[in-house]
Amino acid sequence: MNPDAIKALLIYSLAFNYVILIIWFGVFSLAHDSMYRLHSRWFSLSVETFDAIHYASMALYKIGIMLLNIAPLVALWLV
């Protein structure tokens, strides 16, 4: 696989992952109460804990995107 194909794959992967992150944030922002009701049926969570879990998970996902997509892409561009 040549470097141009890897760059294209990383760009598509980056775009796909950011779309997932944006959808997640949008659903979390717009449908917060219904998501909380759904999850509180299964787990006994306070609203603050629910929010903290989602914000931490979004941050971890974003760090994963940066480490697994952006860093290799920048390294390929610099080479």
PDB file of N, CA and C in Angstrom:
ATOM      1  N   MET A   1       0.850  -1.173   0.000  1.00  0.00           N
ATOM      2  CA  MET A   1       0.000   0.000   0.000  1.00  0.00           C
ATOM      3  C   MET A   1       0.898   1.239   0.000  1.00  0.00           C
ATOM      4  N   ASN A   2       0.649   2.114  -0.923  1.00  0.00           N
ATOM      5  CA  ASN A   2       1.489   3.309  -1.034  1.00  0.00           C
ATOM      6  C   ASN A   2       1.052   4.397  -0.043  1.00  0.00           C
ATOM      7  N   PRO A   3       1.934   5.352   0.229  1.00  0.00           N
ATOM      8  CA  PRO A   3       1.607   6.394   1.217  1.00  0.00           C
ATOM      9  C   PRO A   3       0.391   7.248   0.856  1.00  0.00           C
ATOM     10  N   ASP A   4       0.145   7.456  -0.418  1.00  0.00           N
ATOM     11  CA  ASP A   4      -1.031   8.245  -0.812  1.00  0.00           C
ATOM     12  C   ASP A   4      -2.329   7.533  -0.459  1.00  0.00           C
ATOM     13  N   ALA A   5      -2.348   6.226  -0.614  1.00  0.00           N
ATOM     14  CA  ALA A   5      -3.539   5.457  -0.248  1.00  0.00           C
ATOM     15  C   ALA A   5      -3.742   5.469   1.263  1.00  0.00           C
ATOM     16  N   ILE A   6      -2.660   5.400   2.013  1.00  0.00           N
ATOM     17  CA  ILE A   6      -2.764   5.454   3.472  1.00  0.00           C
ATOM     18  C   ILE A   6      -3.254   6.826   3.911  1.00  0.00           C
ATOM     19  N   LYS A   7      -2.756   7.896   3.270  1.00  0.00           N
ATOM     20  CA  LYS A   7      -3.224   9.248   3.590  1.00  0.00           C
ATOM     21  C   LYS A   7      -4.726   9.380   3.330  1.00  0.00           C
ATOM     22  N   ALA A   8      -5.171   8.867   2.201  1.00  0.00           N
ATOM     23  CA  ALA A   8      -6.598   8.941   1.874  1.00  0.00           C
ATOM     24  C   ALA A   8      -7.426   8.157   2.889  1.00  0.00           C
ATOM     25  N   LEU A   9      -6.942   6.977   3.262  1.00  0.00           N
ATOM     26  CA  LEU A   9      -7.643   6.168   4.255  1.00  0.00           C
ATOM     27  C   LEU A   9      -7.721   6.893   5.597  1.00  0.00           C
ATOM     28  N   LEU A  10      -6.628   7.519   6.010  1.00  0.00           N
ATOM     29  CA  LEU A  10      -6.627   8.244   7.282  1.00  0.00           C
ATOM     30  C   LEU A  10      -7.541   9.462   7.241  1.00  0.00           C
ATOM     31  N   ILE A  11      -7.613  10.138   6.102  1.00  0.00           N
ATOM     32  CA  ILE A  11      -8.511  11.290   5.974  1.00  0.00           C
ATOM     33  C   ILE A  11      -9.968  10.846   6.050  1.00  0.00           C
ATOM     34  N   TYR A  12     -10.315   9.755   5.363  1.00  0.00           N
ATOM     35  CA  TYR A  12     -11.684   9.236   5.443  1.00  0.00           C
ATOM     36  C   TYR A  12     -12.014   8.761   6.852  1.00  0.00           C
ATOM     37  N   SER A  13     -11.076   8.112   7.490  1.00  0.00           N
ATOM     38  CA  SER A  13     -11.266   7.655   8.859  1.00  0.00           C
ATOM     39  C   SER A  13     -11.437   8.837   9.809  1.00  0.00           C
ATOM     40  N   LEU A  14     -10.644   9.876   9.614  1.00  0.00           N
ATOM     41  CA  LEU A  14     -10.746  11.079  10.429  1.00  0.00           C
ATOM     42  C   LEU A  14     -12.121  11.720  10.264  1.00  0.00           C
ATOM     43  N   ALA A  15     -12.573  11.854   9.040  1.00  0.00           N
ATOM     44  CA  ALA A  15     -13.883  12.456   8.780  1.00  0.00           C
ATOM     45  C   ALA A  15     -15.002  11.608   9.394  1.00  0.00           C
ATOM     46  N   PHE A  16     -14.927  10.298   9.228  1.00  0.00           N
ATOM     47  CA  PHE A  16     -15.945   9.401   9.775  1.00  0.00           C
ATOM     48  C   PHE A  16     -16.001   9.494  11.295  1.00  0.00           C
ATOM     49  N   ASN A  17     -14.833   9.501  11.932  1.00  0.00           N
ATOM     50  CA  ASN A  17     -14.790   9.564  13.390  1.00  0.00           C
ATOM     51  C   ASN A  17     -15.292  10.903  13.917  1.00  0.00           C
ATOM     52  N   TYR A  18     -14.976  11.995  13.240  1.00  0.00           N
ATOM     53  CA  TYR A  18     -15.487  13.288  13.683  1.00  0.00           C
ATOM     54  C   TYR A  18     -16.991  13.403  13.463  1.00  0.00           C
ATOM     55  N   VAL A  19     -17.521  12.782  12.422  1.00  0.00           N
ATOM     56  CA  VAL A  19     -18.974  12.760  12.225  1.00  0.00           C
ATOM     57  C   VAL A  19     -19.635  12.015  13.383  1.00  0.00           C
ATOM     58  N   ILE A  20     -19.066  10.896  13.787  1.00  0.00           N
ATOM     59  CA  ILE A  20     -19.597  10.157  14.934  1.00  0.00           C
ATOM     60  C   ILE A  20     -19.553  11.021  16.189  1.00  0.00           C
ATOM     61  N   LEU A  21     -18.440  11.716  16.404  1.00  0.00           N
ATOM     62  CA  LEU A  21     -18.304  12.567  17.583  1.00  0.00           C
ATOM     63  C   LEU A  21     -19.314  13.713  17.564  1.00  0.00           C
ATOM     64  N   ILE A  22     -19.529  14.317  16.418  1.00  0.00           N
ATOM     65  CA  ILE A  22     -20.486  15.426  16.304  1.00  0.00           C
ATOM     66  C   ILE A  22     -21.915  14.928  16.526  1.00  0.00           C
ATOM     67  N   ILE A  23     -22.251  13.767  15.976  1.00  0.00           N
ATOM     68  CA  ILE A  23     -23.583  13.194  16.190  1.00  0.00           C
ATOM     69  C   ILE A  23     -23.781  12.870  17.661  1.00  0.00           C
ATOM     70  N   TRP A  24     -22.769  12.277  18.287  1.00  0.00           N
ATOM     71  CA  TRP A  24     -22.843  11.949  19.711  1.00  0.00           C
ATOM     72  C   TRP A  24     -23.098  13.213  20.542  1.00  0.00           C
ATOM     73  N   PHE A  25     -22.328  14.263  20.264  1.00  0.00           N
ATOM     74  CA  PHE A  25     -22.513  15.510  21.006  1.00  0.00           C
ATOM     75  C   PHE A  25     -23.887  16.112  20.731  1.00  0.00           C
ATOM     76  N   GLY A  26     -24.332  16.062  19.479  1.00  0.00           N
ATOM     77  CA  GLY A  26     -25.648  16.607  19.143  1.00  0.00           C
ATOM     78  C   GLY A  26     -26.775  15.872  19.841  1.00  0.00           C
ATOM     79  N   VAL A  27     -26.717  14.558  19.833  1.00  0.00           N
ATOM     80  CA  VAL A  27     -27.752  13.778  20.517  1.00  0.00           C
ATOM     81  C   VAL A  27     -27.681  14.026  22.015  1.00  0.00           C
ATOM     82  N   PHE A  28     -26.476  14.084  22.551  1.00  0.00           N
ATOM     83  CA  PHE A  28     -26.315  14.350  23.976  1.00  0.00           C
ATOM     84  C   PHE A  28     -26.865  15.719  24.349  1.00  0.00           C
ATOM     85  N   SER A  29     -26.646  16.713  23.513  1.00  0.00           N
ATOM     86  CA  SER A  29     -27.116  18.065  23.808  1.00  0.00           C
ATOM     87  C   SER A  29     -28.626  18.211  23.612  1.00  0.00           C
ATOM     88  N   LEU A  30     -29.134  17.658  22.528  1.00  0.00           N
ATOM     89  CA  LEU A  30     -30.538  17.873  22.177  1.00  0.00           C
ATOM     90  C   LEU A  30     -31.495  16.895  22.850  1.00  0.00           C
ATOM     91  N   ALA A  31     -31.034  15.693  23.147  1.00  0.00           N
ATOM     92  CA  ALA A  31     -31.909  14.678  23.733  1.00  0.00           C
ATOM     93  C   ALA A  31     -31.364  14.199  25.070  1.00  0.00           C
ATOM     94  N   HIS A  32     -30.831  15.127  25.847  1.00  0.00           N
ATOM     95  CA  HIS A  32     -30.190  14.778  27.113  1.00  0.00           C
ATOM     96  C   HIS A  32     -31.156  14.085  28.071  1.00  0.00           C
ATOM     97  N   ASP A  33     -32.340  14.638  28.214  1.00  0.00           N
ATOM     98  CA  ASP A  33     -33.281  14.084  29.192  1.00  0.00           C
ATOM     99  C   ASP A  33     -33.747  12.687  28.813  1.00  0.00           C
ATOM    100  N   SER A  34     -34.044  12.474  27.552  1.00  0.00           N
ATOM    101  CA  SER A  34     -34.491  11.142  27.150  1.00  0.00           C
ATOM    102  C   SER A  34     -33.349  10.120  27.219  1.00  0.00           C
ATOM    103  N   MET A  35     -32.131  10.549  26.911  1.00  0.00           N
ATOM    104  CA  MET A  35     -30.990   9.642  27.075  1.00  0.00           C
ATOM    105  C   MET A  35     -30.782   9.301  28.541  1.00  0.00           C
ATOM    106  N   TYR A  36     -30.919  10.282  29.409  1.00  0.00           N
ATOM    107  CA  TYR A  36     -30.748  10.030  30.838  1.00  0.00           C
ATOM    108  C   TYR A  36     -31.826   9.080  31.354  1.00  0.00           C
ATOM    109  N   ARG A  37     -33.068   9.287  30.936  1.00  0.00           N
ATOM    110  CA  ARG A  37     -34.140   8.379  31.362  1.00  0.00           C
ATOM    111  C   ARG A  37     -33.882   6.959  30.889  1.00  0.00           C
ATOM    112  N   LEU A  38     -33.408   6.818  29.658  1.00  0.00           N
ATOM    113  CA  LEU A  38     -33.120   5.492  29.125  1.00  0.00           C
ATOM    114  C   LEU A  38     -32.014   4.806  29.925  1.00  0.00           C
ATOM    115  N   HIS A  39     -30.934   5.530  30.194  1.00  0.00           N
ATOM    116  CA  HIS A  39     -29.819   4.925  30.913  1.00  0.00           C
ATOM    117  C   HIS A  39     -30.107   4.745  32.395  1.00  0.00           C
ATOM    118  N   SER A  40     -30.934   5.589  32.967  1.00  0.00           N
ATOM    119  CA  SER A  40     -31.238   5.448  34.393  1.00  0.00           C
ATOM    120  C   SER A  40     -32.159   4.251  34.651  1.00  0.00           C
ATOM    121  N   ARG A  41     -32.763   3.707  33.625  1.00  0.00           N
ATOM    122  CA  ARG A  41     -33.517   2.455  33.796  1.00  0.00           C
ATOM    123  C   ARG A  41     -32.578   1.298  34.086  1.00  0.00           C
ATOM    124  N   TRP A  42     -31.412   1.326  33.478  1.00  0.00           N
ATOM    125  CA  TRP A  42     -30.461   0.227  33.622  1.00  0.00           C
ATOM    126  C   TRP A  42     -29.489   0.433  34.775  1.00  0.00           C
ATOM    127  N   PHE A  43     -29.090   1.685  35.006  1.00  0.00           N
ATOM    128  CA  PHE A  43     -28.090   2.001  36.021  1.00  0.00           C
ATOM    129  C   PHE A  43     -28.633   3.105  36.919  1.00  0.00           C
ATOM    130  N   SER A  44     -28.262   3.069  38.176  1.00  0.00           N
ATOM    131  CA  SER A  44     -28.667   4.159  39.068  1.00  0.00           C
ATOM    132  C   SER A  44     -27.578   5.231  39.022  1.00  0.00           C
ATOM    133  N   LEU A  45     -27.814   6.238  38.190  1.00  0.00           N
ATOM    134  CA  LEU A  45     -26.860   7.319  37.976  1.00  0.00           C
ATOM    135  C   LEU A  45     -27.513   8.648  38.310  1.00  0.00           C
ATOM    136  N   SER A  46     -26.742   9.532  38.914  1.00  0.00           N
ATOM    137  CA  SER A  46     -27.227  10.896  39.053  1.00  0.00           C
ATOM    138  C   SER A  46     -26.995  11.618  37.721  1.00  0.00           C
ATOM    139  N   VAL A  47     -27.629  12.736  37.554  1.00  0.00           N
ATOM    140  CA  VAL A  47     -27.475  13.499  36.318  1.00  0.00           C
ATOM    141  C   VAL A  47     -26.028  13.957  36.161  1.00  0.00           C
ATOM    142  N   GLU A  48     -25.409  14.349  37.272  1.00  0.00           N
ATOM    143  CA  GLU A  48     -24.017  14.815  37.223  1.00  0.00           C
ATOM    144  C   GLU A  48     -23.070  13.690  36.808  1.00  0.00           C
ATOM    145  N   THR A  49     -23.306  12.494  37.335  1.00  0.00           N
ATOM    146  CA  THR A  49     -22.476  11.348  36.964  1.00  0.00           C
ATOM    147  C   THR A  49     -22.671  10.977  35.501  1.00  0.00           C
ATOM    148  N   PHE A  50     -23.916  11.013  35.061  1.00  0.00           N
ATOM    149  CA  PHE A  50     -24.228  10.729  33.656  1.00  0.00           C
ATOM    150  C   PHE A  50     -23.519  11.709  32.731  1.00  0.00           C
ATOM    151  N   ASP A  51     -23.578  13.000  33.070  1.00  0.00           N
ATOM    152  CA  ASP A  51     -22.910  14.024  32.270  1.00  0.00           C
ATOM    153  C   ASP A  51     -21.394  13.832  32.280  1.00  0.00           C
ATOM    154  N   ALA A  52     -20.845  13.545  33.453  1.00  0.00           N
ATOM    155  CA  ALA A  52     -19.398  13.362  33.564  1.00  0.00           C
ATOM    156  C   ALA A  52     -18.922  12.160  32.757  1.00  0.00           C
ATOM    157  N   ILE A  53     -19.689  11.090  32.770  1.00  0.00           N
ATOM    158  CA  ILE A  53     -19.319   9.897  31.991  1.00  0.00           C
ATOM    159  C   ILE A  53     -19.313  10.219  30.502  1.00  0.00           C
ATOM    160  N   HIS A  54     -20.336  10.927  30.043  1.00  0.00           N
ATOM    161  CA  HIS A  54     -20.404  11.232  28.615  1.00  0.00           C
ATOM    162  C   HIS A  54     -19.328  12.219  28.185  1.00  0.00           C
ATOM    163  N   TYR A  55     -19.088  13.254  28.983  1.00  0.00           N
ATOM    164  CA  TYR A  55     -18.048  14.210  28.622  1.00  0.00           C
ATOM    165  C   TYR A  55     -16.670  13.555  28.642  1.00  0.00           C
ATOM    166  N   ALA A  56     -16.410  12.716  29.632  1.00  0.00           N
ATOM    167  CA  ALA A  56     -15.123  12.022  29.689  1.00  0.00           C
ATOM    168  C   ALA A  56     -14.976  11.048  28.525  1.00  0.00           C
ATOM    169  N   SER A  57     -16.053  10.379  28.171  1.00  0.00           N
ATOM    170  CA  SER A  57     -15.998   9.447  27.040  1.00  0.00           C
ATOM    171  C   SER A  57     -15.777  10.176  25.722  1.00  0.00           C
ATOM    172  N   MET A  58     -16.421  11.327  25.563  1.00  0.00           N
ATOM    173  CA  MET A  58     -16.190  12.120  24.348  1.00  0.00           C
ATOM    174  C   MET A  58     -14.753  12.617  24.284  1.00  0.00           C
ATOM    175  N   ALA A  59     -14.219  13.024  25.427  1.00  0.00           N
ATOM    176  CA  ALA A  59     -12.824  13.480  25.458  1.00  0.00           C
ATOM    177  C   ALA A  59     -11.875  12.336  25.130  1.00  0.00           C
ATOM    178  N   LEU A  60     -12.120  11.158  25.677  1.00  0.00           N
ATOM    179  CA  LEU A  60     -11.284   9.994  25.388  1.00  0.00           C
ATOM    180  C   LEU A  60     -11.373   9.607  23.916  1.00  0.00           C
ATOM    181  N   TYR A  61     -12.569   9.652  23.344  1.00  0.00           N
ATOM    182  CA  TYR A  61     -12.754   9.353  21.925  1.00  0.00           C
ATOM    183  C   TYR A  61     -11.997  10.359  21.060  1.00  0.00           C
ATOM    184  N   LYS A  62     -12.055  11.635  21.445  1.00  0.00           N
ATOM    185  CA  LYS A  62     -11.359  12.671  20.684  1.00  0.00           C
ATOM    186  C   LYS A  62      -9.843  12.487  20.778  1.00  0.00           C
ATOM    187  N   ILE A  63      -9.338  12.120  21.950  1.00  0.00           N
ATOM    188  CA  ILE A  63      -7.906  11.831  22.089  1.00  0.00           C
ATOM    189  C   ILE A  63      -7.523  10.636  21.234  1.00  0.00           C
ATOM    190  N   GLY A  64      -8.378   9.635  21.191  1.00  0.00           N
ATOM    191  CA  GLY A  64      -8.128   8.476  20.324  1.00  0.00           C
ATOM    192  C   GLY A  64      -8.078   8.861  18.865  1.00  0.00           C
ATOM    193  N   ILE A  65      -8.965   9.755  18.445  1.00  0.00           N
ATOM    194  CA  ILE A  65      -8.945  10.230  17.061  1.00  0.00           C
ATOM    195  C   ILE A  65      -7.627  10.926  16.772  1.00  0.00           C
ATOM    196  N   MET A  66      -7.200  11.759  17.718  1.00  0.00           N
ATOM    197  CA  MET A  66      -5.956  12.498  17.509  1.00  0.00           C
ATOM    198  C   MET A  66      -4.747  11.558  17.442  1.00  0.00           C
ATOM    199  N   LEU A  67      -4.699  10.584  18.325  1.00  0.00           N
ATOM    200  CA  LEU A  67      -3.548   9.677  18.354  1.00  0.00           C
ATOM    201  C   LEU A  67      -3.540   8.683  17.195  1.00  0.00           C
ATOM    202  N   LEU A  68      -4.712   8.206  16.803  1.00  0.00           N
ATOM    203  CA  LEU A  68      -4.774   7.136  15.809  1.00  0.00           C
ATOM    204  C   LEU A  68      -5.044   7.611  14.385  1.00  0.00           C
ATOM    205  N   ASN A  69      -5.476   8.856  14.213  1.00  0.00           N
ATOM    206  CA  ASN A  69      -5.738   9.369  12.868  1.00  0.00           C
ATOM    207  C   ASN A  69      -4.891  10.588  12.526  1.00  0.00           C
ATOM    208  N   ILE A  70      -4.922  11.584  13.392  1.00  0.00           N
ATOM    209  CA  ILE A  70      -4.237  12.829  13.065  1.00  0.00           C
ATOM    210  C   ILE A  70      -2.726  12.684  13.142  1.00  0.00           C
ATOM    211  N   ALA A  71      -2.222  12.045  14.201  1.00  0.00           N
ATOM    212  CA  ALA A  71      -0.763  11.908  14.351  1.00  0.00           C
ATOM    213  C   ALA A  71      -0.137  11.129  13.198  1.00  0.00           C
ATOM    214  N   PRO A  72      -0.667   9.968  12.790  1.00  0.00           N
ATOM    215  CA  PRO A  72      -0.073   9.291  11.634  1.00  0.00           C
ATOM    216  C   PRO A  72      -0.202  10.085  10.335  1.00  0.00           C
ATOM    217  N   LEU A  73      -1.308  10.807  10.194  1.00  0.00           N
ATOM    218  CA  LEU A  73      -1.495  11.619   8.980  1.00  0.00           C
ATOM    219  C   LEU A  73      -0.487  12.749   8.916  1.00  0.00           C
ATOM    220  N   VAL A  74      -0.263  13.427  10.023  1.00  0.00           N
ATOM    221  CA  VAL A  74       0.740  14.487  10.050  1.00  0.00           C
ATOM    222  C   VAL A  74       2.144  13.907   9.805  1.00  0.00           C
ATOM    223  N   ALA A  75       2.413  12.755  10.381  1.00  0.00           N
ATOM    224  CA  ALA A  75       3.721  12.107  10.158  1.00  0.00           C
ATOM    225  C   ALA A  75       3.914  11.753   8.683  1.00  0.00           C
ATOM    226  N   LEU A  76       2.873  11.292   8.021  1.00  0.00           N
ATOM    227  CA  LEU A  76       2.996  10.980   6.584  1.00  0.00           C
ATOM    228  C   LEU A  76       3.160  12.242   5.766  1.00  0.00           C
ATOM    229  N   TRP A  77       2.492  13.322   6.160  1.00  0.00           N
ATOM    230  CA  TRP A  77       2.650  14.565   5.418  1.00  0.00           C
ATOM    231  C   TRP A  77       4.056  15.132   5.571  1.00  0.00           C
ATOM    232  N   LEU A  78       4.673  14.923   6.740  1.00  0.00           N
ATOM    233  CA  LEU A  78       6.003  15.457   6.978  1.00  0.00           C
ATOM    234  C   LEU A  78       7.096  14.642   6.318  1.00  0.00           C
ATOM    235  N   VAL A  79       6.823  13.393   6.008  1.00  0.00           N
ATOM    236  CA  VAL A  79       7.848  12.527   5.409  1.00  0.00           C
ATOM    237  C   VAL A  79       7.970  12.764   3.938  1.00  0.00           C
TER     238      VAL A  79
END
